[in-house]
Amino acid sequence: MGEKVMDRENDTLNNFNHAVTINERKNVLITGVKKLENFDSREFFLESIMGFILIKGEGLELIKLDTFQGTLSIKGKVNSLNYLESANGGKAKGESMLSKLFK
């Protein structure tokens, strides 16, 4: 029985579509979100089905995170949205996102 539950979860993740909608540079809706890694009022770092995404801005706030449907809503002023090739943004192996936060 446990295998069926895992299969449904994997099927749900695999069936996500990925889209990014930014309205008037202040409302963001992202679908196909696998995991919200961390966030604050200046940065949101998340994993989507299409790779890692780093959103930078000012006064960013988490409005809604639906892990079942894989959607994320953010409000605030968006300055940039970048897809990263890896969790550490393609930087040197020793410099992770966490090390960047503690500088």
N, C-alpha and C. Protein backbone atom coordinates (compact mmCIF):
# COMPACT_ATOMS: atom_id res chain seq x y z
N MET A 1 0.82 -1.20 0.00
CA MET A 1 0.00 0.00 0.00
C MET A 1 0.86 1.26 0.00
N GLY A 2 1.99 1.23 0.69
CA GLY A 2 2.89 2.38 0.72
C GLY A 2 3.43 2.73 -0.65
N GLU A 3 3.64 1.74 -1.49
CA GLU A 3 4.15 2.00 -2.83
C GLU A 3 3.16 2.79 -3.67
N LYS A 4 1.87 2.53 -3.52
CA LYS A 4 0.86 3.26 -4.30
C LYS A 4 0.84 4.74 -3.93
N VAL A 5 1.01 5.05 -2.65
CA VAL A 5 1.03 6.44 -2.22
C VAL A 5 2.23 7.15 -2.83
N MET A 6 3.40 6.52 -2.80
CA MET A 6 4.60 7.11 -3.39
C MET A 6 4.43 7.30 -4.90
N ASP A 7 3.81 6.32 -5.57
CA ASP A 7 3.58 6.43 -7.00
C ASP A 7 2.69 7.62 -7.32
N ARG A 8 1.65 7.83 -6.52
CA ARG A 8 0.76 8.96 -6.74
C ARG A 8 1.51 10.27 -6.55
N GLU A 9 2.37 10.35 -5.53
CA GLU A 9 3.13 11.57 -5.29
C GLU A 9 4.08 11.84 -6.45
N ASN A 10 4.76 10.80 -6.94
CA ASN A 10 5.67 10.97 -8.07
C ASN A 10 4.89 11.35 -9.33
N ASP A 11 3.74 10.73 -9.56
CA ASP A 11 2.92 11.07 -10.72
C ASP A 11 2.48 12.52 -10.64
N THR A 12 2.09 12.98 -9.45
CA THR A 12 1.67 14.36 -9.28
C THR A 12 2.81 15.30 -9.62
N LEU A 13 4.03 15.02 -9.11
CA LEU A 13 5.18 15.87 -9.40
C LEU A 13 5.50 15.87 -10.88
N ASN A 14 5.44 14.71 -11.52
CA ASN A 14 5.79 14.61 -12.93
C ASN A 14 4.76 15.27 -13.83
N ASN A 15 3.54 15.45 -13.36
CA ASN A 15 2.48 16.04 -14.17
C ASN A 15 2.40 17.56 -14.04
N PHE A 16 3.25 18.18 -13.21
CA PHE A 16 3.24 19.63 -13.08
C PHE A 16 3.65 20.27 -14.39
N ASN A 17 3.01 21.36 -14.71
CA ASN A 17 3.46 22.22 -15.79
C ASN A 17 4.21 23.36 -15.13
N HIS A 18 5.18 23.91 -15.85
CA HIS A 18 5.95 25.01 -15.29
C HIS A 18 5.61 26.29 -16.03
N ALA A 19 5.28 27.31 -15.26
CA ALA A 19 5.02 28.63 -15.82
C ALA A 19 5.39 29.68 -14.79
N VAL A 20 5.81 30.83 -15.29
CA VAL A 20 6.10 31.97 -14.44
C VAL A 20 5.28 33.14 -14.97
N THR A 21 4.48 33.73 -14.10
CA THR A 21 3.69 34.90 -14.47
C THR A 21 4.06 36.04 -13.53
N ILE A 22 4.46 37.16 -14.12
CA ILE A 22 4.76 38.36 -13.33
C ILE A 22 3.84 39.46 -13.81
N ASN A 23 2.99 39.94 -12.92
CA ASN A 23 2.06 41.02 -13.26
C ASN A 23 2.57 42.33 -12.67
N GLU A 24 2.76 43.30 -13.55
CA GLU A 24 3.14 44.66 -13.18
C GLU A 24 4.35 44.70 -12.25
N ARG A 25 5.23 43.71 -12.41
CA ARG A 25 6.49 43.62 -11.67
C ARG A 25 6.30 43.53 -10.15
N LYS A 26 5.08 43.21 -9.70
CA LYS A 26 4.87 43.15 -8.26
C LYS A 26 4.10 41.92 -7.77
N ASN A 27 3.59 41.12 -8.66
CA ASN A 27 2.92 39.87 -8.28
C ASN A 27 3.49 38.74 -9.13
N VAL A 28 3.96 37.68 -8.47
CA VAL A 28 4.57 36.56 -9.17
C VAL A 28 3.79 35.29 -8.83
N LEU A 29 3.48 34.51 -9.85
CA LEU A 29 2.88 33.19 -9.68
C LEU A 29 3.74 32.20 -10.44
N ILE A 30 4.22 31.18 -9.74
CA ILE A 30 5.07 30.17 -10.36
C ILE A 30 4.40 28.81 -10.15
N THR A 31 4.27 28.04 -11.23
CA THR A 31 3.77 26.68 -11.13
C THR A 31 4.91 25.72 -11.44
N GLY A 32 4.75 24.48 -11.02
CA GLY A 32 5.81 23.49 -11.21
C GLY A 32 6.89 23.61 -10.15
N VAL A 33 6.53 24.11 -8.97
CA VAL A 33 7.49 24.29 -7.87
C VAL A 33 7.63 22.98 -7.11
N LYS A 34 8.86 22.53 -6.96
CA LYS A 34 9.13 21.32 -6.19
C LYS A 34 9.40 21.63 -4.72
N LYS A 35 10.18 22.70 -4.48
CA LYS A 35 10.57 23.01 -3.10
C LYS A 35 11.00 24.46 -2.99
N LEU A 36 10.55 25.12 -1.94
CA LEU A 36 11.02 26.46 -1.61
C LEU A 36 12.20 26.29 -0.66
N GLU A 37 13.40 26.57 -1.14
CA GLU A 37 14.62 26.35 -0.36
C GLU A 37 14.73 27.36 0.78
N ASN A 38 14.69 28.65 0.46
CA ASN A 38 14.70 29.70 1.49
C ASN A 38 14.21 31.01 0.87
N PHE A 39 13.88 31.94 1.75
CA PHE A 39 13.39 33.23 1.26
C PHE A 39 13.51 34.28 2.35
N ASP A 40 13.57 35.52 1.92
CA ASP A 40 13.46 36.67 2.81
C ASP A 40 12.90 37.82 1.98
N SER A 41 12.94 39.03 2.49
CA SER A 41 12.31 40.16 1.80
C SER A 41 13.08 40.60 0.55
N ARG A 42 14.30 40.06 0.34
CA ARG A 42 15.10 40.44 -0.82
C ARG A 42 15.34 39.31 -1.81
N GLU A 43 15.20 38.03 -1.37
CA GLU A 43 15.47 36.90 -2.26
C GLU A 43 14.56 35.72 -1.97
N PHE A 44 14.15 35.07 -3.03
CA PHE A 44 13.46 33.78 -2.93
C PHE A 44 14.28 32.79 -3.74
N PHE A 45 14.59 31.64 -3.15
CA PHE A 45 15.36 30.60 -3.83
C PHE A 45 14.54 29.33 -3.80
N LEU A 46 14.21 28.80 -4.97
CA LEU A 46 13.33 27.64 -5.04
C LEU A 46 13.78 26.68 -6.11
N GLU A 47 13.28 25.45 -6.00
CA GLU A 47 13.53 24.44 -7.01
C GLU A 47 12.23 24.19 -7.76
N SER A 48 12.30 24.30 -9.08
CA SER A 48 11.15 24.00 -9.93
C SER A 48 11.47 22.75 -10.74
N ILE A 49 10.49 22.28 -11.48
CA ILE A 49 10.72 21.10 -12.32
C ILE A 49 11.66 21.43 -13.47
N MET A 50 11.91 22.71 -13.73
CA MET A 50 12.82 23.13 -14.80
C MET A 50 14.16 23.63 -14.27
N GLY A 51 14.42 23.45 -12.97
CA GLY A 51 15.69 23.88 -12.39
C GLY A 51 15.47 24.84 -11.24
N PHE A 52 16.58 25.29 -10.68
CA PHE A 52 16.53 26.21 -9.56
C PHE A 52 16.27 27.62 -10.07
N ILE A 53 15.53 28.41 -9.27
CA ILE A 53 15.18 29.78 -9.62
C ILE A 53 15.54 30.69 -8.47
N LEU A 54 16.18 31.81 -8.78
CA LEU A 54 16.50 32.83 -7.79
C LEU A 54 15.78 34.11 -8.19
N ILE A 55 14.92 34.59 -7.30
CA ILE A 55 14.18 35.83 -7.53
C ILE A 55 14.73 36.87 -6.56
N LYS A 56 15.09 38.03 -7.09
CA LYS A 56 15.59 39.11 -6.25
C LYS A 56 14.65 40.30 -6.38
N GLY A 57 14.52 41.03 -5.29
CA GLY A 57 13.65 42.19 -5.31
C GLY A 57 13.67 42.94 -4.00
N GLU A 58 12.61 43.68 -3.76
CA GLU A 58 12.48 44.49 -2.55
C GLU A 58 11.10 44.27 -1.96
N GLY A 59 11.03 44.10 -0.66
CA GLY A 59 9.74 43.91 0.02
C GLY A 59 9.01 42.66 -0.43
N LEU A 60 9.76 41.61 -0.78
CA LEU A 60 9.14 40.37 -1.24
C LEU A 60 8.47 39.65 -0.09
N GLU A 61 7.27 39.15 -0.33
CA GLU A 61 6.50 38.43 0.68
C GLU A 61 5.91 37.16 0.09
N LEU A 62 5.93 36.11 0.87
CA LEU A 62 5.28 34.86 0.48
C LEU A 62 3.78 35.02 0.70
N ILE A 63 3.01 34.87 -0.36
CA ILE A 63 1.55 34.96 -0.24
C ILE A 63 0.96 33.57 -0.06
N LYS A 64 1.38 32.62 -0.91
CA LYS A 64 0.83 31.27 -0.82
C LYS A 64 1.82 30.27 -1.39
N LEU A 65 2.01 29.17 -0.68
CA LEU A 65 2.79 28.05 -1.17
C LEU A 65 1.91 26.82 -1.07
N ASP A 66 1.59 26.23 -2.20
CA ASP A 66 0.78 25.02 -2.23
C ASP A 66 1.68 23.88 -2.71
N THR A 67 2.15 23.07 -1.77
CA THR A 67 3.08 22.00 -2.11
C THR A 67 2.39 20.86 -2.84
N PHE A 68 1.09 20.71 -2.66
CA PHE A 68 0.36 19.64 -3.34
C PHE A 68 0.22 19.94 -4.83
N GLN A 69 -0.13 21.19 -5.15
CA GLN A 69 -0.28 21.58 -6.56
C GLN A 69 1.01 22.14 -7.16
N GLY A 70 1.98 22.45 -6.30
CA GLY A 70 3.26 22.97 -6.79
C GLY A 70 3.20 24.41 -7.25
N THR A 71 2.44 25.25 -6.54
CA THR A 71 2.33 26.66 -6.91
C THR A 71 2.88 27.56 -5.80
N LEU A 72 3.41 28.69 -6.21
CA LEU A 72 3.98 29.66 -5.29
C LEU A 72 3.54 31.05 -5.73
N SER A 73 3.04 31.85 -4.79
CA SER A 73 2.66 33.23 -5.05
C SER A 73 3.51 34.15 -4.19
N ILE A 74 4.04 35.19 -4.82
CA ILE A 74 4.90 36.16 -4.14
C ILE A 74 4.43 37.55 -4.52
N LYS A 75 4.51 38.50 -3.56
CA LYS A 75 4.26 39.89 -3.90
C LYS A 75 5.44 40.74 -3.44
N GLY A 76 5.62 41.87 -4.09
CA GLY A 76 6.72 42.77 -3.81
C GLY A 76 7.33 43.22 -5.12
N LYS A 77 8.31 44.09 -5.06
CA LYS A 77 8.94 44.60 -6.28
C LYS A 77 9.98 43.59 -6.77
N VAL A 78 9.79 43.09 -7.99
CA VAL A 78 10.69 42.11 -8.58
C VAL A 78 11.76 42.83 -9.39
N ASN A 79 13.03 42.59 -9.05
CA ASN A 79 14.15 43.16 -9.80
C ASN A 79 14.74 42.17 -10.79
N SER A 80 14.74 40.88 -10.44
CA SER A 80 15.27 39.88 -11.37
C SER A 80 14.73 38.49 -11.03
N LEU A 81 14.72 37.65 -12.06
CA LEU A 81 14.36 36.24 -11.91
C LEU A 81 15.33 35.47 -12.79
N ASN A 82 16.13 34.59 -12.18
CA ASN A 82 17.15 33.85 -12.91
C ASN A 82 17.01 32.36 -12.67
N TYR A 83 17.16 31.61 -13.76
CA TYR A 83 17.27 30.16 -13.66
C TYR A 83 18.74 29.83 -13.45
N LEU A 84 19.01 28.94 -12.51
CA LEU A 84 20.38 28.54 -12.20
C LEU A 84 20.59 27.10 -12.62
N GLU A 85 21.78 26.78 -13.07
CA GLU A 85 22.09 25.43 -13.50
C GLU A 85 22.23 24.46 -12.34
N SER A 86 22.56 24.97 -11.15
CA SER A 86 22.70 24.10 -9.98
C SER A 86 22.24 24.86 -8.75
N ALA A 87 22.16 24.16 -7.62
CA ALA A 87 21.68 24.77 -6.39
C ALA A 87 22.58 25.89 -5.92
N ASN A 88 23.87 25.85 -6.26
CA ASN A 88 24.76 26.92 -5.82
C ASN A 88 25.00 27.95 -6.93
N GLY A 89 24.19 27.92 -7.96
CA GLY A 89 24.25 28.93 -9.00
C GLY A 89 25.45 28.81 -9.91
N GLY A 90 26.06 27.61 -9.97
CA GLY A 90 27.20 27.41 -10.84
C GLY A 90 28.49 27.99 -10.30
N LYS A 91 28.49 28.36 -9.02
CA LYS A 91 29.68 28.95 -8.42
C LYS A 91 30.65 27.85 -8.01
N ALA A 92 31.76 28.25 -7.48
CA ALA A 92 32.77 27.30 -7.01
C ALA A 92 32.15 26.32 -6.03
N LYS A 93 32.65 25.10 -6.03
CA LYS A 93 32.05 24.04 -5.23
C LYS A 93 31.92 24.40 -3.76
N GLY A 94 32.85 25.12 -3.20
CA GLY A 94 32.82 25.43 -1.77
C GLY A 94 31.81 26.49 -1.39
N GLU A 95 31.32 27.25 -2.36
CA GLU A 95 30.42 28.36 -2.03
C GLU A 95 28.98 27.98 -2.32
N SER A 96 28.26 27.64 -1.28
CA SER A 96 26.86 27.28 -1.44
C SER A 96 25.98 28.49 -1.11
N MET A 97 24.68 28.30 -1.30
CA MET A 97 23.73 29.37 -0.97
C MET A 97 23.81 29.71 0.50
N LEU A 98 23.99 28.70 1.36
CA LEU A 98 24.07 28.95 2.80
C LEU A 98 25.32 29.77 3.14
N SER A 99 26.44 29.45 2.53
CA SER A 99 27.66 30.21 2.83
C SER A 99 27.49 31.67 2.38
N LYS A 100 26.74 31.87 1.29
CA LYS A 100 26.48 33.22 0.82
C LYS A 100 25.64 34.00 1.83
N LEU A 101 24.71 33.31 2.48
CA LEU A 101 23.83 33.97 3.45
C LEU A 101 24.59 34.42 4.70
N PHE A 102 25.64 33.68 5.07
CA PHE A 102 26.34 33.95 6.32
C PHE A 102 27.57 34.85 6.14
N LYS A 103 27.71 35.48 4.99
CA LYS A 103 28.84 36.40 4.78
C LYS A 103 28.58 37.72 5.41
